[in-house]
Amino acid sequence: SMVLGQAGMLGVAISNPTMQGVDQS
């Protein structure tokens, strides 16, 4: 379950911390 919380880190990495408008699928 700790890994599932890493989506925010990915958002920071692509300069979009909130991942607004991003398709994660």
PDB file of all heavy atoms in Angstrom:
ATOM      1  N   SER A   1       0.819  -1.212   0.000  1.00  0.00           N
ATOM      2  CA  SER A   1       0.000   0.000   0.000  1.00  0.00           C
ATOM      3  C   SER A   1       0.854   1.263   0.000  1.00  0.00           C
ATOM      4  O   SER A   1       0.401   2.330  -0.447  1.00  0.00           O
ATOM      5  CB  SER A   1      -0.932  -0.002   1.208  1.00  0.00           C
ATOM      6  OG  SER A   1      -0.184  -0.080   2.412  1.00  0.00           O
ATOM      7  N   MET A   2       2.084   1.162   0.482  1.00  0.00           N
ATOM      8  CA  MET A   2       2.973   2.324   0.505  1.00  0.00           C
ATOM      9  C   MET A   2       3.279   2.811  -0.909  1.00  0.00           C
ATOM     10  O   MET A   2       3.457   4.007  -1.141  1.00  0.00           O
ATOM     11  CB  MET A   2       4.273   1.981   1.238  1.00  0.00           C
ATOM     12  CG  MET A   2       4.077   1.600   2.698  1.00  0.00           C
ATOM     13  SD  MET A   2       5.617   1.004   3.469  1.00  0.00           S
ATOM     14  CE  MET A   2       6.687   2.421   3.239  1.00  0.00           C
ATOM     15  N   VAL A   3       3.333   1.873  -1.862  1.00  0.00           N
ATOM     16  CA  VAL A   3       3.667   2.235  -3.235  1.00  0.00           C
ATOM     17  C   VAL A   3       2.550   3.052  -3.875  1.00  0.00           C
ATOM     18  O   VAL A   3       2.803   3.951  -4.678  1.00  0.00           O
ATOM     19  CB  VAL A   3       3.937   0.966  -4.071  1.00  0.00           C
ATOM     20  CG1 VAL A   3       4.240   1.318  -5.520  1.00  0.00           C
ATOM     21  CG2 VAL A   3       5.094   0.198  -3.473  1.00  0.00           C
ATOM     22  N   LEU A   4       1.320   2.726  -3.524  1.00  0.00           N
ATOM     23  CA  LEU A   4       0.184   3.418  -4.142  1.00  0.00           C
ATOM     24  C   LEU A   4       0.180   4.905  -3.824  1.00  0.00           C
ATOM     25  O   LEU A   4      -0.448   5.687  -4.535  1.00  0.00           O
ATOM     26  CB  LEU A   4      -1.130   2.778  -3.667  1.00  0.00           C
ATOM     27  CG  LEU A   4      -1.332   1.311  -4.068  1.00  0.00           C
ATOM     28  CD1 LEU A   4      -2.628   0.772  -3.475  1.00  0.00           C
ATOM     29  CD2 LEU A   4      -1.327   1.161  -5.579  1.00  0.00           C
ATOM     30  N   GLY A   5       0.897   5.283  -2.804  1.00  0.00           N
ATOM     31  CA  GLY A   5       0.967   6.697  -2.462  1.00  0.00           C
ATOM     32  C   GLY A   5       2.064   7.447  -3.194  1.00  0.00           C
ATOM     33  O   GLY A   5       2.300   8.624  -2.911  1.00  0.00           O
ATOM     34  N   GLN A   6       2.729   6.774  -4.149  1.00  0.00           N
ATOM     35  CA  GLN A   6       3.830   7.405  -4.868  1.00  0.00           C
ATOM     36  C   GLN A   6       3.384   8.209  -6.076  1.00  0.00           C
ATOM     37  O   GLN A   6       4.216   8.816  -6.754  1.00  0.00           O
ATOM     38  CB  GLN A   6       4.835   6.333  -5.332  1.00  0.00           C
ATOM     39  CG  GLN A   6       5.459   5.555  -4.202  1.00  0.00           C
ATOM     40  CD  GLN A   6       6.153   6.451  -3.200  1.00  0.00           C
ATOM     41  OE1 GLN A   6       6.954   7.299  -3.563  1.00  0.00           O
ATOM     42  NE2 GLN A   6       5.833   6.269  -1.930  1.00  0.00           N
ATOM     43  N   ALA A   7       2.083   8.222  -6.384  1.00  0.00           N
ATOM     44  CA  ALA A   7       1.603   8.967  -7.554  1.00  0.00           C
ATOM     45  C   ALA A   7       1.970  10.444  -7.447  1.00  0.00           C
ATOM     46  O   ALA A   7       2.308  11.085  -8.448  1.00  0.00           O
ATOM     47  CB  ALA A   7       0.088   8.805  -7.687  1.00  0.00           C
ATOM     48  N   GLY A   8       1.935  10.990  -6.238  1.00  0.00           N
ATOM     49  CA  GLY A   8       2.300  12.390  -6.064  1.00  0.00           C
ATOM     50  C   GLY A   8       3.742  12.661  -6.438  1.00  0.00           C
ATOM     51  O   GLY A   8       4.060  13.694  -7.026  1.00  0.00           O
ATOM     52  N   MET A   9       4.641  11.709  -6.121  1.00  0.00           N
ATOM     53  CA  MET A   9       6.038  11.866  -6.493  1.00  0.00           C
ATOM     54  C   MET A   9       6.195  11.912  -8.008  1.00  0.00           C
ATOM     55  O   MET A   9       6.983  12.686  -8.547  1.00  0.00           O
ATOM     56  CB  MET A   9       6.871  10.727  -5.905  1.00  0.00           C
ATOM     57  CG  MET A   9       8.370  10.860  -6.180  1.00  0.00           C
ATOM     58  SD  MET A   9       9.339   9.460  -5.558  1.00  0.00           S
ATOM     59  CE  MET A   9       9.143   9.733  -3.785  1.00  0.00           C
ATOM     60  N   LEU A  10       5.413  11.088  -8.697  1.00  0.00           N
ATOM     61  CA  LEU A  10       5.468  11.100 -10.157  1.00  0.00           C
ATOM     62  C   LEU A  10       5.000  12.442 -10.690  1.00  0.00           C
ATOM     63  O   LEU A  10       5.527  12.952 -11.683  1.00  0.00           O
ATOM     64  CB  LEU A  10       4.605   9.974 -10.721  1.00  0.00           C
ATOM     65  CG  LEU A  10       5.040   8.542 -10.390  1.00  0.00           C
ATOM     66  CD1 LEU A  10       4.095   7.548 -11.037  1.00  0.00           C
ATOM     67  CD2 LEU A  10       6.464   8.295 -10.833  1.00  0.00           C
ATOM     68  N   GLY A  11       3.993  13.029 -10.046  1.00  0.00           N
ATOM     69  CA  GLY A  11       3.509  14.338 -10.471  1.00  0.00           C
ATOM     70  C   GLY A  11       4.583  15.401 -10.331  1.00  0.00           C
ATOM     71  O   GLY A  11       4.751  16.252 -11.200  1.00  0.00           O
ATOM     72  N   VAL A  12       5.326  15.360  -9.221  1.00  0.00           N
ATOM     73  CA  VAL A  12       6.417  16.309  -9.016  1.00  0.00           C
ATOM     74  C   VAL A  12       7.470  16.127 -10.107  1.00  0.00           C
ATOM     75  O   VAL A  12       8.029  17.099 -10.640  1.00  0.00           O
ATOM     76  CB  VAL A  12       7.047  16.121  -7.625  1.00  0.00           C
ATOM     77  CG1 VAL A  12       8.315  16.964  -7.482  1.00  0.00           C
ATOM     78  CG2 VAL A  12       6.043  16.480  -6.539  1.00  0.00           C
ATOM     79  N   ALA A  13       7.752  14.887 -10.461  1.00  0.00           N
ATOM     80  CA  ALA A  13       8.786  14.591 -11.452  1.00  0.00           C
ATOM     81  C   ALA A  13       8.436  15.157 -12.820  1.00  0.00           C
ATOM     82  O   ALA A  13       9.332  15.527 -13.583  1.00  0.00           O
ATOM     83  CB  ALA A  13       9.010  13.085 -11.539  1.00  0.00           C
ATOM     84  N   ILE A  14       7.155  15.231 -13.163  1.00  0.00           N
ATOM     85  CA  ILE A  14       6.754  15.781 -14.468  1.00  0.00           C
ATOM     86  C   ILE A  14       6.267  17.229 -14.329  1.00  0.00           C
ATOM     87  O   ILE A  14       5.598  17.757 -15.216  1.00  0.00           O
ATOM     88  CB  ILE A  14       5.671  14.912 -15.137  1.00  0.00           C
ATOM     89  CG1 ILE A  14       4.385  14.908 -14.300  1.00  0.00           C
ATOM     90  CG2 ILE A  14       6.188  13.504 -15.398  1.00  0.00           C
ATOM     91  CD1 ILE A  14       3.200  14.241 -15.002  1.00  0.00           C
ATOM     92  N   SER A  15       6.610  17.865 -13.198  1.00  0.00           N
ATOM     93  CA  SER A  15       6.293  19.284 -12.952  1.00  0.00           C
ATOM     94  C   SER A  15       4.799  19.568 -12.918  1.00  0.00           C
ATOM     95  O   SER A  15       4.366  20.680 -13.213  1.00  0.00           O
ATOM     96  CB  SER A  15       6.976  20.159 -14.020  1.00  0.00           C
ATOM     97  OG  SER A  15       8.364  19.973 -14.011  1.00  0.00           O
ATOM     98  N   ASN A  16       4.020  18.562 -12.540  1.00  0.00           N
ATOM     99  CA  ASN A  16       2.580  18.724 -12.397  1.00  0.00           C
ATOM    100  C   ASN A  16       2.165  17.981 -11.125  1.00  0.00           C
ATOM    101  O   ASN A  16       1.592  16.894 -11.174  1.00  0.00           O
ATOM    102  CB  ASN A  16       1.851  18.157 -13.617  1.00  0.00           C
ATOM    103  CG  ASN A  16       0.367  18.439 -13.616  1.00  0.00           C
ATOM    104  OD1 ASN A  16      -0.199  18.847 -12.606  1.00  0.00           O
ATOM    105  ND2 ASN A  16      -0.279  18.229 -14.757  1.00  0.00           N
ATOM    106  N   PRO A  17       2.482  18.571  -9.943  1.00  0.00           N
ATOM    107  CA  PRO A  17       2.280  17.858  -8.676  1.00  0.00           C
ATOM    108  C   PRO A  17       0.868  17.344  -8.460  1.00  0.00           C
ATOM    109  O   PRO A  17       0.690  16.266  -7.876  1.00  0.00           O
ATOM    110  CB  PRO A  17       2.652  18.918  -7.627  1.00  0.00           C
ATOM    111  CG  PRO A  17       3.559  19.857  -8.340  1.00  0.00           C
ATOM    112  CD  PRO A  17       3.061  19.906  -9.746  1.00  0.00           C
ATOM    113  N   THR A  18      -0.122  18.088  -8.915  1.00  0.00           N
ATOM    114  CA  THR A  18      -1.510  17.654  -8.719  1.00  0.00           C
ATOM    115  C   THR A  18      -1.964  16.707  -9.812  1.00  0.00           C
ATOM    116  O   THR A  18      -3.054  16.144  -9.731  1.00  0.00           O
ATOM    117  CB  THR A  18      -2.440  18.870  -8.698  1.00  0.00           C
ATOM    118  OG1 THR A  18      -2.374  19.550  -9.970  1.00  0.00           O
ATOM    119  CG2 THR A  18      -2.047  19.840  -7.581  1.00  0.00           C
ATOM    120  N   MET A  19      -1.144  16.551 -10.849  1.00  0.00           N
ATOM    121  CA  MET A  19      -1.453  15.726 -12.025  1.00  0.00           C
ATOM    122  C   MET A  19      -2.792  16.133 -12.653  1.00  0.00           C
ATOM    123  O   MET A  19      -3.546  15.293 -13.131  1.00  0.00           O
ATOM    124  CB  MET A  19      -1.397  14.235 -11.689  1.00  0.00           C
ATOM    125  CG  MET A  19       0.022  13.786 -11.426  1.00  0.00           C
ATOM    126  SD  MET A  19       0.350  12.070 -11.804  1.00  0.00           S
ATOM    127  CE  MET A  19      -0.211  11.318 -10.318  1.00  0.00           C
ATOM    128  N   GLN A  20      -3.017  17.422 -12.646  1.00  0.00           N
ATOM    129  CA  GLN A  20      -4.222  17.977 -13.240  1.00  0.00           C
ATOM    130  C   GLN A  20      -4.231  17.739 -14.746  1.00  0.00           C
ATOM    131  O   GLN A  20      -3.267  18.055 -15.448  1.00  0.00           O
ATOM    132  CB  GLN A  20      -4.264  19.493 -12.947  1.00  0.00           C
ATOM    133  CG  GLN A  20      -5.625  20.135 -13.108  1.00  0.00           C
ATOM    134  CD  GLN A  20      -5.608  21.541 -12.542  1.00  0.00           C
ATOM    135  OE1 GLN A  20      -5.155  21.752 -11.416  1.00  0.00           O
ATOM    136  NE2 GLN A  20      -6.079  22.498 -13.324  1.00  0.00           N
ATOM    137  N   GLY A  21      -5.281  17.156 -15.254  1.00  0.00           N
ATOM    138  CA  GLY A  21      -5.421  16.905 -16.680  1.00  0.00           C
ATOM    139  C   GLY A  21      -4.608  15.739 -17.202  1.00  0.00           C
ATOM    140  O   GLY A  21      -4.599  15.477 -18.408  1.00  0.00           O
ATOM    141  N   VAL A  22      -3.919  15.007 -16.331  1.00  0.00           N
ATOM    142  CA  VAL A  22      -3.037  13.910 -16.750  1.00  0.00           C
ATOM    143  C   VAL A  22      -3.818  12.602 -16.828  1.00  0.00           C
ATOM    144  O   VAL A  22      -4.584  12.269 -15.924  1.00  0.00           O
ATOM    145  CB  VAL A  22      -1.850  13.759 -15.773  1.00  0.00           C
ATOM    146  CG1 VAL A  22      -1.025  12.525 -16.120  1.00  0.00           C
ATOM    147  CG2 VAL A  22      -0.982  15.009 -15.811  1.00  0.00           C
ATOM    148  N   ASP A  23      -3.590  11.843 -17.897  1.00  0.00           N
ATOM    149  CA  ASP A  23      -4.193  10.525 -18.060  1.00  0.00           C
ATOM    150  C   ASP A  23      -3.205   9.482 -17.538  1.00  0.00           C
ATOM    151  O   ASP A  23      -2.175   9.230 -18.145  1.00  0.00           O
ATOM    152  CB  ASP A  23      -4.509  10.279 -19.540  1.00  0.00           C
ATOM    153  CG  ASP A  23      -5.293   8.991 -19.759  1.00  0.00           C
ATOM    154  OD1 ASP A  23      -5.411   8.203 -18.802  1.00  0.00           O
ATOM    155  OD2 ASP A  23      -5.777   8.769 -20.897  1.00  0.00           O
ATOM    156  N   GLN A  24      -3.541   8.884 -16.409  1.00  0.00           N
ATOM    157  CA  GLN A  24      -2.648   7.897 -15.801  1.00  0.00           C
ATOM    158  C   GLN A  24      -2.891   6.479 -16.311  1.00  0.00           C
ATOM    159  O   GLN A  24      -2.205   5.547 -15.895  1.00  0.00           O
ATOM    160  CB  GLN A  24      -2.816   7.911 -14.281  1.00  0.00           C
ATOM    161  CG  GLN A  24      -2.436   9.230 -13.634  1.00  0.00           C
ATOM    162  CD  GLN A  24      -2.484   9.149 -12.129  1.00  0.00           C
ATOM    163  OE1 GLN A  24      -1.838   8.283 -11.521  1.00  0.00           O
ATOM    164  NE2 GLN A  24      -3.244  10.035 -11.502  1.00  0.00           N
ATOM    165  N   SER A  25      -3.842   6.322 -17.215  1.00  0.00           N
ATOM    166  CA  SER A  25      -4.150   4.988 -17.734  1.00  0.00           C
ATOM    167  C   SER A  25      -3.370   4.669 -19.004  1.00  0.00           C
ATOM    168  O   SER A  25      -3.500   3.580 -19.555  1.00  0.00           O
ATOM    169  CB  SER A  25      -5.651   4.869 -18.015  1.00  0.00           C
ATOM    170  OG  SER A  25      -6.037   5.721 -19.086  1.00  0.00           O
TER     171      SER A  25
END
